[in-house]
Amino acid sequence: MTRRRAGLSAVVAMLACLASSREARAACKDADVPVGAQCRKYGEAWDESAGFLARLHLVGWLSARTLTYAPASGTTFDGNVETSPIAYHFPGSSLGTSPLRTYGGETGVAWVPVPYFYVGVAAGYGLGASSPKPFTTNGLTITPGAGQNTDDTIFGGVIGARLPLGRVSLRADALIGGSWFDFDQYGATSANQLTATASASALFVEPRVHLDVWLTPFFTLGAFAAMPSFDPASTNVGLTLAAHTTAFDGRYVVF
């Protein structure tokens, strides 16, 4: 009798758990923005009662990344000697064919109007050391400056799409805007070696692919690879930590 009663109690407890689970799923609506695992769509209809932050549908991020400038004949550098009025100019191709890489970071913020798409703005900055071969322009022999002699700034708008796969998300986006590249150099005449700086600006297009892992319903850690101007030699990589005002950006899985 004791065994039968124990077995019956176990069956009753199991049925009670199943009923409770079904009730929880039934009570979970698409308009909810839950944290628990009983709902898998996570707020597809953007519940307006979920609080001020959830209604913003924003994502903010910080990235550690590389930034790469690929020398191009179509880019013109304008240089100035710091201690004199001497100015000089040269095409980007004078810096050789190898990309000039810097290391730094990026920050940005995006709005997620629907769970699969986002738009935003971002900016990045990096420092590096490059040593292209000397060349001559405007009567000066130009050589690389000492130490950290390059810095690269990028800025623009971001537009992208997201594929939610549970605790992992895949994203593809593009940063479209501008870049500013500075190069500390020496300009040598027949008598003196002078400190100089050359700068160039250009349009910037950087397609990127991301793999994100949800650390919590509101924070992700991700890795990305990027290819500025669709140039494989200029590939960038980075790591991103992001904060999301809406749990799982409103969608945990596709279906």
Protein backbone atom coordinates (compact mmCIF):
# COMPACT_ATOMS: atom_id res chain seq x y z
CA MET A 1 0.00 0.00 0.00
CA THR A 2 2.81 2.34 0.87
CA ARG A 3 4.42 1.87 -2.56
CA ARG A 4 1.10 2.38 -4.35
CA ARG A 5 0.44 5.57 -2.42
CA ALA A 6 3.96 6.84 -3.20
CA GLY A 7 3.51 6.04 -6.88
CA LEU A 8 0.09 7.70 -6.97
CA SER A 9 1.52 10.80 -5.27
CA ALA A 10 4.30 10.99 -7.85
CA VAL A 11 1.79 10.76 -10.73
CA VAL A 12 -0.40 13.47 -9.17
CA ALA A 13 2.64 15.74 -8.68
CA MET A 14 3.71 15.23 -12.32
CA LEU A 15 0.22 16.05 -13.61
CA ALA A 16 0.14 19.16 -11.44
CA CYS A 17 3.48 20.32 -12.89
CA LEU A 18 2.26 19.74 -16.44
CA ALA A 19 -0.94 21.65 -15.77
CA SER A 20 1.02 24.51 -14.25
CA SER A 21 3.36 24.61 -17.26
CA ARG A 22 0.40 24.66 -19.66
CA GLU A 23 -1.24 27.48 -17.72
CA ALA A 24 2.01 29.48 -17.82
CA ARG A 25 2.29 29.03 -21.59
CA ALA A 26 -1.36 29.92 -22.06
CA ALA A 27 -0.92 33.07 -20.00
CA CYS A 28 2.12 34.10 -22.05
CA LYS A 29 1.10 36.44 -24.86
CA ASP A 30 3.17 37.83 -27.69
CA ALA A 31 2.72 41.26 -26.16
CA ASP A 32 4.57 40.20 -22.99
CA VAL A 33 8.26 40.98 -22.50
CA PRO A 34 9.19 38.16 -20.11
CA VAL A 35 12.51 37.03 -18.75
CA GLY A 36 11.49 33.41 -18.04
CA ALA A 37 11.86 30.55 -20.50
CA GLN A 38 8.16 29.74 -20.83
CA CYS A 39 7.72 32.33 -23.60
CA ARG A 40 9.93 31.98 -26.66
CA LYS A 41 8.87 34.98 -28.74
CA TYR A 42 9.77 37.57 -26.11
CA GLY A 43 7.61 40.54 -26.89
CA GLU A 44 6.99 40.47 -30.60
CA ALA A 45 4.12 42.97 -30.26
CA TRP A 46 6.11 45.43 -28.06
CA ASP A 47 4.00 45.56 -24.92
CA GLU A 48 3.48 49.22 -23.98
CA SER A 49 3.01 48.28 -20.32
CA ALA A 50 6.52 46.84 -20.05
CA GLY A 51 8.06 50.08 -18.78
CA PHE A 52 9.76 53.15 -20.22
CA LEU A 53 13.09 51.51 -21.12
CA ALA A 54 11.47 48.55 -22.86
CA ARG A 55 9.40 50.92 -25.00
CA LEU A 56 12.54 52.67 -26.27
CA HIS A 57 13.76 49.56 -28.14
CA LEU A 58 17.38 50.78 -28.01
CA VAL A 59 20.77 49.06 -28.12
CA GLY A 60 24.03 50.67 -27.04
CA TRP A 61 27.45 49.09 -27.56
CA LEU A 62 31.18 49.37 -26.97
CA SER A 63 33.65 47.49 -29.17
CA ALA A 64 37.36 46.78 -29.12
CA ARG A 65 38.36 46.56 -32.77
CA THR A 66 40.84 47.11 -35.56
CA LEU A 67 40.49 49.89 -38.13
CA THR A 68 42.22 49.69 -41.50
CA TYR A 69 43.08 52.26 -44.14
CA ALA A 70 43.78 50.86 -47.61
CA PRO A 71 45.99 53.26 -49.65
CA ALA A 72 44.26 54.35 -52.84
CA SER A 73 45.34 56.57 -55.73
CA GLY A 74 41.98 58.36 -55.58
CA THR A 75 42.66 59.68 -52.05
CA THR A 76 44.78 62.83 -51.72
CA PHE A 77 46.74 63.55 -48.53
CA ASP A 78 47.38 67.17 -47.53
CA GLY A 79 50.52 67.63 -45.45
CA ASN A 80 51.93 70.50 -43.44
CA VAL A 81 55.32 71.00 -41.84
CA GLU A 82 54.80 72.01 -38.23
CA THR A 83 57.56 74.63 -37.93
CA SER A 84 57.24 76.31 -41.33
CA PRO A 85 54.63 77.29 -43.95
CA ILE A 86 55.75 74.46 -46.22
CA ALA A 87 52.84 72.35 -47.50
CA TYR A 88 52.84 69.20 -49.59
CA HIS A 89 50.40 66.79 -51.22
CA PHE A 90 50.52 63.19 -52.35
CA PRO A 91 48.15 60.41 -53.51
CA GLY A 92 47.33 57.61 -51.10
CA SER A 93 49.10 55.14 -53.38
CA SER A 94 52.43 56.74 -52.35
CA LEU A 95 52.04 54.89 -49.03
CA GLY A 96 52.36 51.53 -50.79
CA THR A 97 49.88 48.72 -51.29
CA SER A 98 49.69 47.22 -47.79
CA PRO A 99 46.77 48.34 -45.57
CA LEU A 100 47.65 50.60 -42.65
CA ARG A 101 46.08 49.08 -39.52
CA THR A 102 45.22 50.79 -36.23
CA TYR A 103 43.80 49.45 -32.97
CA GLY A 104 41.09 51.09 -30.90
CA GLY A 105 37.37 51.06 -30.26
CA GLU A 106 33.89 51.88 -31.46
CA THR A 107 30.73 53.05 -29.74
CA GLY A 108 27.23 53.40 -31.04
CA VAL A 109 23.51 53.30 -30.40
CA ALA A 110 20.73 51.76 -32.49
CA TRP A 111 16.94 51.73 -32.55
CA VAL A 112 15.13 48.41 -33.14
CA PRO A 113 11.75 49.33 -34.71
CA VAL A 114 10.96 45.64 -35.35
CA PRO A 115 12.75 42.59 -33.90
CA TYR A 116 14.59 41.79 -37.14
CA PHE A 117 15.94 45.20 -38.23
CA TYR A 118 17.79 48.13 -36.66
CA VAL A 119 19.21 51.54 -37.56
CA GLY A 120 21.65 53.69 -35.63
CA VAL A 121 24.83 55.74 -35.52
CA ALA A 122 28.39 54.78 -34.61
CA ALA A 123 31.91 56.19 -34.38
CA GLY A 124 35.32 54.60 -33.95
CA TYR A 125 38.92 55.61 -33.35
CA GLY A 126 42.23 53.78 -33.52
CA LEU A 127 45.99 54.34 -33.15
CA GLY A 128 48.80 52.50 -34.91
CA ALA A 129 52.37 52.50 -36.17
CA SER A 130 53.11 52.20 -39.89
CA SER A 131 56.34 52.30 -41.87
CA PRO A 132 55.77 52.67 -45.61
CA LYS A 133 58.79 53.31 -47.83
CA PRO A 134 60.10 56.89 -48.21
CA PHE A 135 58.95 58.88 -51.23
CA THR A 136 59.47 62.37 -52.65
CA THR A 137 56.82 65.04 -53.21
CA ASN A 138 56.93 68.85 -53.54
CA GLY A 139 60.69 68.86 -53.04
CA LEU A 140 60.49 66.94 -49.75
CA THR A 141 61.54 63.39 -48.92
CA ILE A 142 58.73 61.97 -46.78
CA THR A 143 59.45 59.27 -44.19
CA PRO A 144 57.24 57.82 -41.40
CA GLY A 145 57.18 59.50 -38.00
CA ALA A 146 58.49 57.73 -34.90
CA GLY A 147 56.35 55.57 -32.58
CA GLN A 148 52.56 55.71 -32.84
CA ASN A 149 52.34 57.66 -36.06
CA THR A 150 48.83 56.98 -37.44
CA ASP A 151 45.30 57.52 -36.20
CA ASP A 152 42.06 56.62 -37.93
CA THR A 153 38.57 57.99 -37.20
CA ILE A 154 35.35 56.56 -38.65
CA PHE A 155 31.76 57.75 -38.21
CA GLY A 156 28.37 57.27 -39.83
CA GLY A 157 25.03 55.55 -39.82
CA VAL A 158 24.40 51.85 -39.27
CA ILE A 159 21.65 49.77 -40.87
CA GLY A 160 21.31 46.06 -40.26
CA ALA A 161 19.25 42.89 -39.95
CA ARG A 162 19.15 40.31 -37.13
CA LEU A 163 18.36 36.59 -37.08
CA PRO A 164 17.36 35.46 -33.53
CA LEU A 165 18.35 31.86 -32.78
CA GLY A 166 17.68 31.59 -29.07
CA ARG A 167 20.73 32.36 -26.93
CA VAL A 168 22.65 33.17 -30.14
CA SER A 169 21.89 35.85 -32.73
CA LEU A 170 23.37 36.40 -36.18
CA ARG A 171 23.52 39.92 -37.58
CA ALA A 172 24.61 41.61 -40.79
CA ASP A 173 24.95 45.38 -41.06
CA ALA A 174 26.92 48.18 -42.67
CA LEU A 175 28.47 51.37 -41.33
CA ILE A 176 28.11 54.06 -44.01
CA GLY A 177 29.70 57.46 -43.48
CA GLY A 178 33.17 58.96 -43.55
CA SER A 179 36.72 58.41 -42.35
CA TRP A 180 39.60 60.69 -41.39
CA PHE A 181 43.19 59.39 -41.42
CA ASP A 182 46.22 61.24 -39.95
CA PHE A 183 49.85 60.25 -40.53
CA ASP A 184 52.76 61.78 -38.57
CA GLN A 185 55.77 62.07 -40.87
CA TYR A 186 59.13 63.68 -41.44
CA GLY A 187 59.67 65.98 -44.40
CA ALA A 188 63.37 66.26 -45.27
CA THR A 189 64.96 68.97 -47.41
CA SER A 190 68.57 69.00 -48.48
CA ALA A 191 69.44 70.75 -45.21
CA ASN A 192 66.86 69.77 -42.56
CA GLN A 193 64.50 67.04 -41.39
CA LEU A 194 61.19 68.62 -40.36
CA THR A 195 58.26 67.23 -38.39
CA ALA A 196 55.07 67.05 -40.47
CA THR A 197 51.53 65.65 -40.49
CA ALA A 198 49.46 64.54 -43.48
CA SER A 199 45.68 63.98 -43.42
CA ALA A 200 43.02 62.61 -45.76
CA SER A 201 39.27 62.14 -45.61
CA ALA A 202 37.11 59.79 -47.64
CA LEU A 203 33.70 58.17 -47.85
CA PHE A 204 33.52 55.03 -45.75
CA VAL A 205 31.45 51.88 -46.30
CA GLU A 206 32.05 48.89 -44.02
CA PRO A 207 29.85 45.75 -44.32
CA ARG A 208 30.01 43.53 -41.21
CA VAL A 209 28.79 40.20 -39.87
CA HIS A 210 28.22 39.57 -36.14
CA LEU A 211 27.73 36.59 -33.85
CA ASP A 212 26.16 37.54 -30.50
CA VAL A 213 25.60 35.48 -27.35
CA TRP A 214 23.00 36.59 -24.79
CA LEU A 215 24.68 36.77 -21.37
CA THR A 216 21.35 37.89 -19.84
CA PRO A 217 18.06 38.99 -21.48
CA PHE A 218 19.53 42.51 -21.64
CA PHE A 219 23.27 42.07 -22.38
CA THR A 220 25.14 40.43 -25.25
CA LEU A 221 28.78 39.64 -25.96
CA GLY A 222 29.65 39.35 -29.62
CA ALA A 223 32.40 39.04 -32.21
CA PHE A 224 32.39 40.54 -35.69
CA ALA A 225 34.36 40.68 -38.92
CA ALA A 226 34.23 43.63 -41.32
CA MET A 227 35.49 44.40 -44.82
CA PRO A 228 35.85 48.15 -45.53
CA SER A 229 35.12 49.00 -49.16
CA PHE A 230 34.69 45.25 -49.81
CA ASP A 231 38.50 44.89 -49.81
CA PRO A 232 39.56 41.48 -48.37
CA ALA A 233 43.06 42.83 -47.57
CA SER A 234 41.52 45.40 -45.24
CA THR A 235 39.47 42.99 -43.09
CA ASN A 236 38.78 44.20 -39.54
CA VAL A 237 37.77 42.19 -36.48
CA GLY A 238 36.36 43.13 -33.08
CA LEU A 239 34.59 42.17 -29.85
CA THR A 240 31.39 43.93 -28.73
CA LEU A 241 29.56 44.29 -25.42
CA ALA A 242 26.01 45.58 -25.88
CA ALA A 243 23.14 46.62 -23.58
CA HIS A 244 19.51 46.24 -24.75
CA THR A 245 16.54 48.06 -23.22
CA THR A 246 14.10 45.35 -24.40
CA ALA A 247 14.59 41.69 -23.44
CA PHE A 248 16.13 39.75 -26.32
CA ASP A 249 15.35 42.73 -28.60
CA GLY A 250 11.74 41.55 -28.64
CA ARG A 251 12.30 38.19 -30.28
CA TYR A 252 14.05 35.12 -28.87
CA VAL A 253 13.67 32.79 -31.88
CA VAL A 254 12.39 33.14 -35.42
CA PHE A 255 9.44 30.75 -34.91
